[in-house]
Amino acid sequence: MDEKQTIVALAALAQSTRLQTFKLLVNREPDGVPAGELARLVGVPQNTMSAHLSTLAQAGLVMGERQSRSILYRADLNGFRAVALYLLKDCCGGNASLCAPLIAELTPCCPPKERPQVAN
């Protein structure tokens, strides 16, 4: 991750519908959400949601997987992790004790769910 990629990701999240969509997808991990359902849940037309998902995908924050006639979207947690690590790389000038409260808040409260295996 570099500065330019980080700016693209943060710019993608700096819009209400995209931020709401990303948060919803994180909440629905690892199952994902079909594009049409995302539009319904967020309350925007499907073509508008498609444009927002494209912006989030180009920023490396979501990924889509075709399943039959629809596309299932998931949060790209590795992409988001890269953004967060870029921002925190030299946290507090290397003084770990200053960053400890921030890192503690970033620690998940529960273990991640396994992503369902897709048969090929």
PDB file of N, CA and C in Angstrom:
ATOM      1  N   MET A   1       0.856  -1.170   0.000  1.00  0.00           N
ATOM      2  CA  MET A   1       0.000   0.000   0.000  1.00  0.00           C
ATOM      3  C   MET A   1       0.899   1.229   0.000  1.00  0.00           C
ATOM      4  N   ASP A   2       0.521   2.196  -0.814  1.00  0.00           N
ATOM      5  CA  ASP A   2       1.262   3.447  -0.838  1.00  0.00           C
ATOM      6  C   ASP A   2       0.299   4.608  -0.596  1.00  0.00           C
ATOM      7  N   GLU A   3       0.853   5.804  -0.596  1.00  0.00           N
ATOM      8  CA  GLU A   3       0.042   6.984  -0.286  1.00  0.00           C
ATOM      9  C   GLU A   3      -1.105   7.162  -1.279  1.00  0.00           C
ATOM     10  N   LYS A   4      -0.829   6.986  -2.570  1.00  0.00           N
ATOM     11  CA  LYS A   4      -1.855   7.180  -3.590  1.00  0.00           C
ATOM     12  C   LYS A   4      -3.013   6.186  -3.411  1.00  0.00           C
ATOM     13  N   GLN A   5      -2.707   4.919  -3.180  1.00  0.00           N
ATOM     14  CA  GLN A   5      -3.741   3.905  -2.975  1.00  0.00           C
ATOM     15  C   GLN A   5      -4.550   4.194  -1.715  1.00  0.00           C
ATOM     16  N   THR A   6      -3.891   4.664  -0.677  1.00  0.00           N
ATOM     17  CA  THR A   6      -4.571   5.000   0.571  1.00  0.00           C
ATOM     18  C   THR A   6      -5.538   6.158   0.356  1.00  0.00           C
ATOM     19  N   ILE A   7      -5.114   7.158  -0.399  1.00  0.00           N
ATOM     20  CA  ILE A   7      -5.991   8.299  -0.679  1.00  0.00           C
ATOM     21  C   ILE A   7      -7.213   7.849  -1.474  1.00  0.00           C
ATOM     22  N   VAL A   8      -7.026   6.955  -2.450  1.00  0.00           N
ATOM     23  CA  VAL A   8      -8.148   6.443  -3.239  1.00  0.00           C
ATOM     24  C   VAL A   8      -9.138   5.709  -2.340  1.00  0.00           C
ATOM     25  N   ALA A   9      -8.622   4.875  -1.431  1.00  0.00           N
ATOM     26  CA  ALA A   9      -9.497   4.122  -0.524  1.00  0.00           C
ATOM     27  C   ALA A   9     -10.239   5.050   0.428  1.00  0.00           C
ATOM     28  N   LEU A  10      -9.542   6.011   0.995  1.00  0.00           N
ATOM     29  CA  LEU A  10     -10.198   6.936   1.922  1.00  0.00           C
ATOM     30  C   LEU A  10     -11.214   7.820   1.195  1.00  0.00           C
ATOM     31  N   ALA A  11     -10.905   8.207  -0.035  1.00  0.00           N
ATOM     32  CA  ALA A  11     -11.855   9.004  -0.820  1.00  0.00           C
ATOM     33  C   ALA A  11     -13.112   8.189  -1.121  1.00  0.00           C
ATOM     34  N   ALA A  12     -12.939   6.903  -1.394  1.00  0.00           N
ATOM     35  CA  ALA A  12     -14.099   6.042  -1.666  1.00  0.00           C
ATOM     36  C   ALA A  12     -15.000   5.963  -0.438  1.00  0.00           C
ATOM     37  N   LEU A  13     -14.418   5.931   0.734  1.00  0.00           N
ATOM     38  CA  LEU A  13     -15.201   5.834   1.966  1.00  0.00           C
ATOM     39  C   LEU A  13     -15.737   7.185   2.445  1.00  0.00           C
ATOM     40  N   ALA A  14     -15.285   8.258   1.815  1.00  0.00           N
ATOM     41  CA  ALA A  14     -15.685   9.601   2.237  1.00  0.00           C
ATOM     42  C   ALA A  14     -17.005  10.039   1.599  1.00  0.00           C
ATOM     43  N   GLN A  15     -17.869   9.086   1.333  1.00  0.00           N
ATOM     44  CA  GLN A  15     -19.196   9.358   0.770  1.00  0.00           C
ATOM     45  C   GLN A  15     -20.172   8.479   1.541  1.00  0.00           C
ATOM     46  N   SER A  16     -21.260   9.032   1.969  1.00  0.00           N
ATOM     47  CA  SER A  16     -22.184   8.377   2.886  1.00  0.00           C
ATOM     48  C   SER A  16     -22.682   7.003   2.410  1.00  0.00           C
ATOM     49  N   THR A  17     -23.142   6.901   1.176  1.00  0.00           N
ATOM     50  CA  THR A  17     -23.675   5.632   0.677  1.00  0.00           C
ATOM     51  C   THR A  17     -22.590   4.570   0.607  1.00  0.00           C
ATOM     52  N   ARG A  18     -21.401   4.956   0.154  1.00  0.00           N
ATOM     53  CA  ARG A  18     -20.308   3.978   0.068  1.00  0.00           C
ATOM     54  C   ARG A  18     -19.842   3.546   1.451  1.00  0.00           C
ATOM     55  N   LEU A  19     -19.757   4.472   2.390  1.00  0.00           N
ATOM     56  CA  LEU A  19     -19.372   4.104   3.754  1.00  0.00           C
ATOM     57  C   LEU A  19     -20.410   3.164   4.358  1.00  0.00           C
ATOM     58  N   GLN A  20     -21.677   3.491   4.183  1.00  0.00           N
ATOM     59  CA  GLN A  20     -22.759   2.646   4.703  1.00  0.00           C
ATOM     60  C   GLN A  20     -22.703   1.256   4.060  1.00  0.00           C
ATOM     61  N   THR A  21     -22.453   1.202   2.769  1.00  0.00           N
ATOM     62  CA  THR A  21     -22.357  -0.073   2.051  1.00  0.00           C
ATOM     63  C   THR A  21     -21.181  -0.896   2.565  1.00  0.00           C
ATOM     64  N   PHE A  22     -20.032  -0.255   2.725  1.00  0.00           N
ATOM     65  CA  PHE A  22     -18.853  -0.969   3.212  1.00  0.00           C
ATOM     66  C   PHE A  22     -19.091  -1.519   4.618  1.00  0.00           C
ATOM     67  N   LYS A  23     -19.661  -0.704   5.496  1.00  0.00           N
ATOM     68  CA  LYS A  23     -19.945  -1.161   6.858  1.00  0.00           C
ATOM     69  C   LYS A  23     -20.928  -2.330   6.853  1.00  0.00           C
ATOM     70  N   LEU A  24     -21.934  -2.266   5.992  1.00  0.00           N
ATOM     71  CA  LEU A  24     -22.901  -3.350   5.886  1.00  0.00           C
ATOM     72  C   LEU A  24     -22.212  -4.639   5.425  1.00  0.00           C
ATOM     73  N   LEU A  25     -21.322  -4.520   4.439  1.00  0.00           N
ATOM     74  CA  LEU A  25     -20.607  -5.702   3.950  1.00  0.00           C
ATOM     75  C   LEU A  25     -19.671  -6.277   5.011  1.00  0.00           C
ATOM     76  N   VAL A  26     -19.024  -5.432   5.782  1.00  0.00           N
ATOM     77  CA  VAL A  26     -18.172  -5.923   6.879  1.00  0.00           C
ATOM     78  C   VAL A  26     -19.028  -6.679   7.878  1.00  0.00           C
ATOM     79  N   ASN A  27     -20.203  -6.139   8.171  1.00  0.00           N
ATOM     80  CA  ASN A  27     -21.116  -6.783   9.112  1.00  0.00           C
ATOM     81  C   ASN A  27     -21.595  -8.127   8.608  1.00  0.00           C
ATOM     82  N   ARG A  28     -21.686  -8.299   7.308  1.00  0.00           N
ATOM     83  CA  ARG A  28     -22.199  -9.527   6.710  1.00  0.00           C
ATOM     84  C   ARG A  28     -21.098 -10.516   6.319  1.00  0.00           C
ATOM     85  N   GLU A  29     -19.868 -10.262   6.703  1.00  0.00           N
ATOM     86  CA  GLU A  29     -18.792 -11.200   6.415  1.00  0.00           C
ATOM     87  C   GLU A  29     -19.002 -12.485   7.196  1.00  0.00           C
ATOM     88  N   PRO A  30     -18.690 -13.628   6.665  1.00  0.00           N
ATOM     89  CA  PRO A  30     -18.096 -13.888   5.351  1.00  0.00           C
ATOM     90  C   PRO A  30     -19.131 -14.183   4.273  1.00  0.00           C
ATOM     91  N   ASP A  31     -20.408 -14.050   4.591  1.00  0.00           N
ATOM     92  CA  ASP A  31     -21.463 -14.466   3.675  1.00  0.00           C
ATOM     93  C   ASP A  31     -21.582 -13.598   2.431  1.00  0.00           C
ATOM     94  N   GLY A  32     -21.381 -12.288   2.558  1.00  0.00           N
ATOM     95  CA  GLY A  32     -21.558 -11.386   1.435  1.00  0.00           C
ATOM     96  C   GLY A  32     -23.025 -11.050   1.227  1.00  0.00           C
ATOM     97  N   VAL A  33     -23.277 -10.140   0.296  1.00  0.00           N
ATOM     98  CA  VAL A  33     -24.631  -9.676   0.003  1.00  0.00           C
ATOM     99  C   VAL A  33     -24.759  -9.482  -1.503  1.00  0.00           C
ATOM    100  N   PRO A  34     -25.839  -9.987  -2.112  1.00  0.00           N
ATOM    101  CA  PRO A  34     -26.053  -9.736  -3.536  1.00  0.00           C
ATOM    102  C   PRO A  34     -26.255  -8.244  -3.799  1.00  0.00           C
ATOM    103  N   ALA A  35     -25.839  -7.804  -4.974  1.00  0.00           N
ATOM    104  CA  ALA A  35     -25.893  -6.381  -5.322  1.00  0.00           C
ATOM    105  C   ALA A  35     -27.301  -5.808  -5.185  1.00  0.00           C
ATOM    106  N   GLY A  36     -28.303  -6.520  -5.662  1.00  0.00           N
ATOM    107  CA  GLY A  36     -29.676  -6.021  -5.577  1.00  0.00           C
ATOM    108  C   GLY A  36     -30.140  -5.840  -4.150  1.00  0.00           C
ATOM    109  N   GLU A  37     -29.765  -6.781  -3.289  1.00  0.00           N
ATOM    110  CA  GLU A  37     -30.142  -6.665  -1.875  1.00  0.00           C
ATOM    111  C   GLU A  37     -29.415  -5.498  -1.215  1.00  0.00           C
ATOM    112  N   LEU A  38     -28.154  -5.278  -1.589  1.00  0.00           N
ATOM    113  CA  LEU A  38     -27.417  -4.127  -1.059  1.00  0.00           C
ATOM    114  C   LEU A  38     -28.144  -2.831  -1.393  1.00  0.00           C
ATOM    115  N   ALA A  39     -28.575  -2.710  -2.650  1.00  0.00           N
ATOM    116  CA  ALA A  39     -29.292  -1.501  -3.069  1.00  0.00           C
ATOM    117  C   ALA A  39     -30.562  -1.323  -2.236  1.00  0.00           C
ATOM    118  N   ARG A  40     -31.295  -2.418  -2.023  1.00  0.00           N
ATOM    119  CA  ARG A  40     -32.531  -2.352  -1.242  1.00  0.00           C
ATOM    120  C   ARG A  40     -32.241  -1.967   0.206  1.00  0.00           C
ATOM    121  N   LEU A  41     -31.225  -2.593   0.806  1.00  0.00           N
ATOM    122  CA  LEU A  41     -30.902  -2.334   2.214  1.00  0.00           C
ATOM    123  C   LEU A  41     -30.428  -0.893   2.447  1.00  0.00           C
ATOM    124  N   VAL A  42     -29.685  -0.364   1.492  1.00  0.00           N
ATOM    125  CA  VAL A  42     -29.154   0.988   1.634  1.00  0.00           C
ATOM    126  C   VAL A  42     -30.164   2.035   1.152  1.00  0.00           C
ATOM    127  N   GLY A  43     -31.115   1.592   0.338  1.00  0.00           N
ATOM    128  CA  GLY A  43     -32.163   2.505  -0.116  1.00  0.00           C
ATOM    129  C   GLY A  43     -31.780   3.357  -1.305  1.00  0.00           C
ATOM    130  N   VAL A  44     -31.046   2.766  -2.244  1.00  0.00           N
ATOM    131  CA  VAL A  44     -30.674   3.485  -3.461  1.00  0.00           C
ATOM    132  C   VAL A  44     -31.057   2.637  -4.673  1.00  0.00           C
ATOM    133  N   PRO A  45     -31.231   3.260  -5.834  1.00  0.00           N
ATOM    134  CA  PRO A  45     -31.503   2.487  -7.044  1.00  0.00           C
ATOM    135  C   PRO A  45     -30.336   1.546  -7.372  1.00  0.00           C
ATOM    136  N   GLN A  46     -30.640   0.439  -8.060  1.00  0.00           N
ATOM    137  CA  GLN A  46     -29.609  -0.550  -8.359  1.00  0.00           C
ATOM    138  C   GLN A  46     -28.475   0.022  -9.203  1.00  0.00           C
ATOM    139  N   ASN A  47     -28.791   0.891 -10.174  1.00  0.00           N
ATOM    140  CA  ASN A  47     -27.717   1.451 -11.002  1.00  0.00           C
ATOM    141  C   ASN A  47     -26.811   2.369 -10.177  1.00  0.00           C
ATOM    142  N   THR A  48     -27.382   3.070  -9.205  1.00  0.00           N
ATOM    143  CA  THR A  48     -26.584   3.908  -8.310  1.00  0.00           C
ATOM    144  C   THR A  48     -25.671   3.036  -7.442  1.00  0.00           C
ATOM    145  N   MET A  49     -26.233   1.938  -6.907  1.00  0.00           N
ATOM    146  CA  MET A  49     -25.427   1.027  -6.095  1.00  0.00           C
ATOM    147  C   MET A  49     -24.292   0.435  -6.927  1.00  0.00           C
ATOM    148  N   SER A  50     -24.581   0.118  -8.173  1.00  0.00           N
ATOM    149  CA  SER A  50     -23.555  -0.435  -9.055  1.00  0.00           C
ATOM    150  C   SER A  50     -22.378   0.528  -9.191  1.00  0.00           C
ATOM    151  N   ALA A  51     -22.663   1.800  -9.355  1.00  0.00           N
ATOM    152  CA  ALA A  51     -21.596   2.809  -9.458  1.00  0.00           C
ATOM    153  C   ALA A  51     -20.800   2.903  -8.160  1.00  0.00           C
ATOM    154  N   HIS A  52     -21.492   2.863  -7.026  1.00  0.00           N
ATOM    155  CA  HIS A  52     -20.792   2.920  -5.731  1.00  0.00           C
ATOM    156  C   HIS A  52     -19.927   1.679  -5.519  1.00  0.00           C
ATOM    157  N   LEU A  53     -20.444   0.519  -5.877  1.00  0.00           N
ATOM    158  CA  LEU A  53     -19.672  -0.721  -5.722  1.00  0.00           C
ATOM    159  C   LEU A  53     -18.443  -0.715  -6.625  1.00  0.00           C
ATOM    160  N   SER A  54     -18.583  -0.145  -7.804  1.00  0.00           N
ATOM    161  CA  SER A  54     -17.441  -0.032  -8.708  1.00  0.00           C
ATOM    162  C   SER A  54     -16.345   0.837  -8.092  1.00  0.00           C
ATOM    163  N   THR A  55     -16.739   1.947  -7.485  1.00  0.00           N
ATOM    164  CA  THR A  55     -15.772   2.833  -6.825  1.00  0.00           C
ATOM    165  C   THR A  55     -15.079   2.113  -5.674  1.00  0.00           C
ATOM    166  N   LEU A  56     -15.853   1.388  -4.865  1.00  0.00           N
ATOM    167  CA  LEU A  56     -15.280   0.653  -3.737  1.00  0.00           C
ATOM    168  C   LEU A  56     -14.356  -0.467  -4.212  1.00  0.00           C
ATOM    169  N   ALA A  57     -14.733  -1.133  -5.305  1.00  0.00           N
ATOM    170  CA  ALA A  57     -13.901  -2.207  -5.847  1.00  0.00           C
ATOM    171  C   ALA A  57     -12.587  -1.655  -6.398  1.00  0.00           C
ATOM    172  N   GLN A  58     -12.654  -0.537  -7.121  1.00  0.00           N
ATOM    173  CA  GLN A  58     -11.442   0.085  -7.657  1.00  0.00           C
ATOM    174  C   GLN A  58     -10.511   0.546  -6.532  1.00  0.00           C
ATOM    175  N   ALA A  59     -11.084   0.868  -5.385  1.00  0.00           N
ATOM    176  CA  ALA A  59     -10.291   1.292  -4.228  1.00  0.00           C
ATOM    177  C   ALA A  59      -9.749   0.098  -3.443  1.00  0.00           C
ATOM    178  N   GLY A  60     -10.121  -1.113  -3.837  1.00  0.00           N
ATOM    179  CA  GLY A  60      -9.633  -2.315  -3.158  1.00  0.00           C
ATOM    180  C   GLY A  60     -10.348  -2.611  -1.858  1.00  0.00           C
ATOM    181  N   LEU A  61     -11.592  -2.135  -1.717  1.00  0.00           N
ATOM    182  CA  LEU A  61     -12.318  -2.310  -0.461  1.00  0.00           C
ATOM    183  C   LEU A  61     -13.441  -3.340  -0.532  1.00  0.00           C
ATOM    184  N   VAL A  62     -13.896  -3.672  -1.741  1.00  0.00           N
ATOM    185  CA  VAL A  62     -14.903  -4.719  -1.907  1.00  0.00           C
ATOM    186  C   VAL A  62     -14.517  -5.583  -3.096  1.00  0.00           C
ATOM    187  N   MET A  63     -15.082  -6.782  -3.128  1.00  0.00           N
ATOM    188  CA  MET A  63     -14.883  -7.662  -4.280  1.00  0.00           C
ATOM    189  C   MET A  63     -16.200  -8.349  -4.586  1.00  0.00           C
ATOM    190  N   GLY A  64     -16.430  -8.563  -5.863  1.00  0.00           N
ATOM    191  CA  GLY A  64     -17.651  -9.206  -6.310  1.00  0.00           C
ATOM    192  C   GLY A  64     -17.359 -10.567  -6.897  1.00  0.00           C
ATOM    193  N   GLU A  65     -18.305 -11.475  -6.708  1.00  0.00           N
ATOM    194  CA  GLU A  65     -18.177 -12.834  -7.231  1.00  0.00           C
ATOM    195  C   GLU A  65     -19.497 -13.210  -7.893  1.00  0.00           C
ATOM    196  N   ARG A  66     -19.419 -13.536  -9.178  1.00  0.00           N
ATOM    197  CA  ARG A  66     -20.639 -13.911  -9.892  1.00  0.00           C
ATOM    198  C   ARG A  66     -21.139 -15.249  -9.370  1.00  0.00           C
ATOM    199  N   GLN A  67     -22.418 -15.260  -9.012  1.00  0.00           N
ATOM    200  CA  GLN A  67     -23.099 -16.485  -8.600  1.00  0.00           C
ATOM    201  C   GLN A  67     -24.402 -16.561  -9.377  1.00  0.00           C
ATOM    202  N   SER A  68     -24.394 -17.417 -10.387  1.00  0.00           N
ATOM    203  CA  SER A  68     -25.552 -17.564 -11.255  1.00  0.00           C
ATOM    204  C   SER A  68     -25.810 -16.235 -11.958  1.00  0.00           C
ATOM    205  N   ARG A  69     -26.981 -15.646 -11.727  1.00  0.00           N
ATOM    206  CA  ARG A  69     -27.333 -14.400 -12.410  1.00  0.00           C
ATOM    207  C   ARG A  69     -27.037 -13.153 -11.599  1.00  0.00           C
ATOM    208  N   SER A  70     -26.544 -13.300 -10.409  1.00  0.00           N
ATOM    209  CA  SER A  70     -26.277 -12.118  -9.592  1.00  0.00           C
ATOM    210  C   SER A  70     -24.804 -12.072  -9.187  1.00  0.00           C
ATOM    211  N   ILE A  71     -24.414 -10.951  -8.629  1.00  0.00           N
ATOM    212  CA  ILE A  71     -23.050 -10.787  -8.126  1.00  0.00           C
ATOM    213  C   ILE A  71     -23.129 -10.625  -6.614  1.00  0.00           C
ATOM    214  N   LEU A  72     -22.387 -11.465  -5.927  1.00  0.00           N
ATOM    215  CA  LEU A  72     -22.317 -11.428  -4.466  1.00  0.00           C
ATOM    216  C   LEU A  72     -21.114 -10.573  -4.088  1.00  0.00           C
ATOM    217  N   TYR A  73     -21.348  -9.548  -3.278  1.00  0.00           N
ATOM    218  CA  TYR A  73     -20.266  -8.653  -2.869  1.00  0.00           C
ATOM    219  C   TYR A  73     -19.852  -8.945  -1.433  1.00  0.00           C
ATOM    220  N   ARG A  74     -18.550  -8.820  -1.210  1.00  0.00           N
ATOM    221  CA  ARG A  74     -17.967  -8.985   0.121  1.00  0.00           C
ATOM    222  C   ARG A  74     -16.993  -7.836   0.362  1.00  0.00           C
ATOM    223  N   ALA A  75     -16.823  -7.513   1.629  1.00  0.00           N
ATOM    224  CA  ALA A  75     -15.793  -6.542   1.995  1.00  0.00           C
ATOM    225  C   ALA A  75     -14.436  -7.184   1.744  1.00  0.00           C
ATOM    226  N   ASP A  76     -13.508  -6.437   1.186  1.00  0.00           N
ATOM    227  CA  ASP A  76     -12.140  -6.921   1.012  1.00  0.00           C
ATOM    228  C   ASP A  76     -11.367  -6.498   2.252  1.00  0.00           C
ATOM    229  N   LEU A  77     -11.383  -7.359   3.243  1.00  0.00           N
ATOM    230  CA  LEU A  77     -10.757  -7.014   4.525  1.00  0.00           C
ATOM    231  C   LEU A  77      -9.249  -6.912   4.410  1.00  0.00           C
ATOM    232  N   ASN A  78      -8.647  -7.622   3.465  1.00  0.00           N
ATOM    233  CA  ASN A  78      -7.204  -7.476   3.255  1.00  0.00           C
ATOM    234  C   ASN A  78      -6.883  -6.084   2.710  1.00  0.00           C
ATOM    235  N   GLY A  79      -7.720  -5.577   1.822  1.00  0.00           N
ATOM    236  CA  GLY A  79      -7.525  -4.220   1.311  1.00  0.00           C
ATOM    237  C   GLY A  79      -7.683  -3.182   2.402  1.00  0.00           C
ATOM    238  N   PHE A  80      -8.712  -3.358   3.233  1.00  0.00           N
ATOM    239  CA  PHE A  80      -8.922  -2.422   4.334  1.00  0.00           C
ATOM    240  C   PHE A  80      -7.783  -2.511   5.352  1.00  0.00           C
ATOM    241  N   ARG A  81      -7.321  -3.727   5.606  1.00  0.00           N
ATOM    242  CA  ARG A  81      -6.192  -3.920   6.526  1.00  0.00           C
ATOM    243  C   ARG A  81      -4.964  -3.162   6.014  1.00  0.00           C
ATOM    244  N   ALA A  82      -4.730  -3.214   4.702  1.00  0.00           N
ATOM    245  CA  ALA A  82      -3.582  -2.518   4.129  1.00  0.00           C
ATOM    246  C   ALA A  82      -3.686  -1.013   4.346  1.00  0.00           C
ATOM    247  N   VAL A  83      -4.895  -0.459   4.211  1.00  0.00           N
ATOM    248  CA  VAL A  83      -5.097   0.975   4.462  1.00  0.00           C
ATOM    249  C   VAL A  83      -4.796   1.299   5.925  1.00  0.00           C
ATOM    250  N   ALA A  84      -5.370   0.513   6.827  1.00  0.00           N
ATOM    251  CA  ALA A  84      -5.164   0.763   8.255  1.00  0.00           C
ATOM    252  C   ALA A  84      -3.685   0.631   8.634  1.00  0.00           C
ATOM    253  N   LEU A  85      -3.019  -0.374   8.096  1.00  0.00           N
ATOM    254  CA  LEU A  85      -1.596  -0.556   8.409  1.00  0.00           C
ATOM    255  C   LEU A  85      -0.755   0.586   7.851  1.00  0.00           C
ATOM    256  N   TYR A  86      -1.112   1.077   6.666  1.00  0.00           N
ATOM    257  CA  TYR A  86      -0.388   2.213   6.103  1.00  0.00           C
ATOM    258  C   TYR A  86      -0.507   3.423   7.038  1.00  0.00           C
ATOM    259  N   LEU A  87      -1.719   3.649   7.544  1.00  0.00           N
ATOM    260  CA  LEU A  87      -1.945   4.799   8.420  1.00  0.00           C
ATOM    261  C   LEU A  87      -1.240   4.641   9.765  1.00  0.00           C
ATOM    262  N   LEU A  88      -1.109   3.404  10.236  1.00  0.00           N
ATOM    263  CA  LEU A  88      -0.551   3.165  11.567  1.00  0.00           C
ATOM    264  C   LEU A  88       0.905   2.704  11.553  1.00  0.00           C
ATOM    265  N   LYS A  89       1.500   2.598  10.377  1.00  0.00           N
ATOM    266  CA  LYS A  89       2.833   2.006  10.238  1.00  0.00           C
ATOM    267  C   LYS A  89       3.848   2.601  11.205  1.00  0.00           C
ATOM    268  N   ASP A  90       3.911   3.878  11.297  1.00  0.00           N
ATOM    269  CA  ASP A  90       4.859   4.530  12.204  1.00  0.00           C
ATOM    270  C   ASP A  90       4.106   5.208  13.337  1.00  0.00           C
ATOM    271  N   CYS A  91       3.155   4.481  13.882  1.00  0.00           N
ATOM    272  CA  CYS A  91       2.268   5.007  14.916  1.00  0.00           C
ATOM    273  C   CYS A  91       3.046   5.646  16.059  1.00  0.00           C
ATOM    274  N   CYS A  92       2.706   6.868  16.318  1.00  0.00           N
ATOM    275  CA  CYS A  92       3.244   7.595  17.482  1.00  0.00           C
ATOM    276  C   CYS A  92       4.768   7.645  17.492  1.00  0.00           C
ATOM    277  N   GLY A  93       5.370   7.709  16.317  1.00  0.00           N
ATOM    278  CA  GLY A  93       6.828   7.817  16.242  1.00  0.00           C
ATOM    279  C   GLY A  93       7.554   6.640  16.844  1.00  0.00           C
ATOM    280  N   GLY A  94       6.938   5.473  16.807  1.00  0.00           N
ATOM    281  CA  GLY A  94       7.574   4.277  17.334  1.00  0.00           C
ATOM    282  C   GLY A  94       7.384   4.077  18.826  1.00  0.00           C
ATOM    283  N   ASN A  95       6.643   4.948  19.494  1.00  0.00           N
ATOM    284  CA  ASN A  95       6.392   4.810  20.927  1.00  0.00           C
ATOM    285  C   ASN A  95       5.165   3.921  21.121  1.00  0.00           C
ATOM    286  N   ALA A  96       5.402   2.632  21.297  1.00  0.00           N
ATOM    287  CA  ALA A  96       4.329   1.640  21.357  1.00  0.00           C
ATOM    288  C   ALA A  96       3.336   1.915  22.482  1.00  0.00           C
ATOM    289  N   SER A  97       3.791   2.474  23.579  1.00  0.00           N
ATOM    290  CA  SER A  97       2.870   2.698  24.700  1.00  0.00           C
ATOM    291  C   SER A  97       1.802   3.728  24.348  1.00  0.00           C
ATOM    292  N   LEU A  98       2.122   4.684  23.481  1.00  0.00           N
ATOM    293  CA  LEU A  98       1.126   5.669  23.057  1.00  0.00           C
ATOM    294  C   LEU A  98       0.070   5.046  22.150  1.00  0.00           C
ATOM    295  N   CYS A  99       0.446   4.022  21.398  1.00  0.00           N
ATOM    296  CA  CYS A  99      -0.473   3.377  20.457  1.00  0.00           C
ATOM    297  C   CYS A  99      -1.260   2.231  21.086  1.00  0.00           C
ATOM    298  N   ALA A 100      -0.867   1.772  22.255  1.00  0.00           N
ATOM    299  CA  ALA A 100      -1.519   0.610  22.862  1.00  0.00           C
ATOM    300  C   ALA A 100      -3.031   0.760  22.987  1.00  0.00           C
ATOM    301  N   PRO A 101      -3.570   1.898  23.437  1.00  0.00           N
ATOM    302  CA  PRO A 101      -5.033   2.014  23.527  1.00  0.00           C
ATOM    303  C   PRO A 101      -5.720   1.899  22.163  1.00  0.00           C
ATOM    304  N   LEU A 102      -5.124   2.482  21.128  1.00  0.00           N
ATOM    305  CA  LEU A 102      -5.688   2.392  19.783  1.00  0.00           C
ATOM    306  C   LEU A 102      -5.684   0.949  19.298  1.00  0.00           C
ATOM    307  N   ILE A 103      -4.572   0.269  19.477  1.00  0.00           N
ATOM    308  CA  ILE A 103      -4.462  -1.120  19.033  1.00  0.00           C
ATOM    309  C   ILE A 103      -5.432  -2.001  19.804  1.00  0.00           C
ATOM    310  N   ALA A 104      -5.604  -1.746  21.089  1.00  0.00           N
ATOM    311  CA  ALA A 104      -6.553  -2.530  21.887  1.00  0.00           C
ATOM    312  C   ALA A 104      -7.977  -2.359  21.359  1.00  0.00           C
ATOM    313  N   GLU A 105      -8.333  -1.148  20.943  1.00  0.00           N
ATOM    314  CA  GLU A 105      -9.675  -0.919  20.394  1.00  0.00           C
ATOM    315  C   GLU A 105      -9.860  -1.589  19.046  1.00  0.00           C
ATOM    316  N   LEU A 106      -8.783  -1.792  18.302  1.00  0.00           N
ATOM    317  CA  LEU A 106      -8.863  -2.444  16.999  1.00  0.00           C
ATOM    318  C   LEU A 106      -8.924  -3.970  17.113  1.00  0.00           C
ATOM    319  N   THR A 107      -8.637  -4.489  18.295  1.00  0.00           N
ATOM    320  CA  THR A 107      -8.673  -5.937  18.490  1.00  0.00           C
ATOM    321  C   THR A 107     -10.127  -6.395  18.463  1.00  0.00           C
ATOM    322  N   PRO A 108     -10.423  -7.392  17.611  1.00  0.00           N
ATOM    323  CA  PRO A 108     -11.824  -7.831  17.492  1.00  0.00           C
ATOM    324  C   PRO A 108     -12.351  -8.430  18.783  1.00  0.00           C
ATOM    325  N   CYS A 109     -13.650  -8.264  18.961  1.00  0.00           N
ATOM    326  CA  CYS A 109     -14.287  -8.783  20.167  1.00  0.00           C
ATOM    327  C   CYS A 109     -14.621 -10.267  20.033  1.00  0.00           C
ATOM    328  N   CYS A 110     -14.592 -10.764  18.832  1.00  0.00           N
ATOM    329  CA  CYS A 110     -14.941 -12.167  18.610  1.00  0.00           C
ATOM    330  C   CYS A 110     -14.134 -12.697  17.433  1.00  0.00           C
ATOM    331  N   PRO A 111     -13.909 -14.028  17.391  1.00  0.00           N
ATOM    332  CA  PRO A 111     -13.124 -14.587  16.289  1.00  0.00           C
ATOM    333  C   PRO A 111     -13.895 -14.492  14.975  1.00  0.00           C
ATOM    334  N   PRO A 112     -13.179 -14.346  13.855  1.00  0.00           N
ATOM    335  CA  PRO A 112     -13.858 -14.247  12.564  1.00  0.00           C
ATOM    336  C   PRO A 112     -14.539 -15.556  12.191  1.00  0.00           C
ATOM    337  N   LYS A 113     -15.668 -15.431  11.460  1.00  0.00           N
ATOM    338  CA  LYS A 113     -16.373 -16.602  10.964  1.00  0.00           C
ATOM    339  C   LYS A 113     -15.639 -17.122   9.736  1.00  0.00           C
ATOM    340  N   GLU A 114     -15.745 -18.419   9.525  1.00  0.00           N
ATOM    341  CA  GLU A 114     -15.153 -19.020   8.342  1.00  0.00           C
ATOM    342  C   GLU A 114     -15.983 -18.670   7.127  1.00  0.00           C
ATOM    343  N   ARG A 115     -15.305 -18.397   6.015  1.00  0.00           N
ATOM    344  CA  ARG A 115     -15.999 -18.136   4.746  1.00  0.00           C
ATOM    345  C   ARG A 115     -16.466 -19.462   4.184  1.00  0.00           C
ATOM    346  N   PRO A 116     -17.728 -19.536   3.715  1.00  0.00           N
ATOM    347  CA  PRO A 116     -18.219 -20.797   3.162  1.00  0.00           C
ATOM    348  C   PRO A 116     -17.423 -21.187   1.914  1.00  0.00           C
ATOM    349  N   GLN A 117     -17.145 -22.470   1.793  1.00  0.00           N
ATOM    350  CA  GLN A 117     -16.422 -22.993   0.643  1.00  0.00           C
ATOM    351  C   GLN A 117     -17.367 -23.135  -0.535  1.00  0.00           C
ATOM    352  N   VAL A 118     -16.931 -22.669  -1.707  1.00  0.00           N
ATOM    353  CA  VAL A 118     -17.723 -22.766  -2.917  1.00  0.00           C
ATOM    354  C   VAL A 118     -17.212 -23.950  -3.717  1.00  0.00           C
ATOM    355  N   ALA A 119     -18.112 -24.881  -4.034  1.00  0.00           N
ATOM    356  CA  ALA A 119     -17.720 -26.054  -4.814  1.00  0.00           C
ATOM    357  C   ALA A 119     -17.480 -25.658  -6.268  1.00  0.00           C
ATOM    358  N   ASN A 120     -16.409 -26.173  -6.857  1.00  0.00           N
ATOM    359  CA  ASN A 120     -16.112 -25.874  -8.267  1.00  0.00           C
ATOM    360  C   ASN A 120     -16.625 -26.978  -9.156  1.00  0.00           C
TER     361      ASN A 120
END
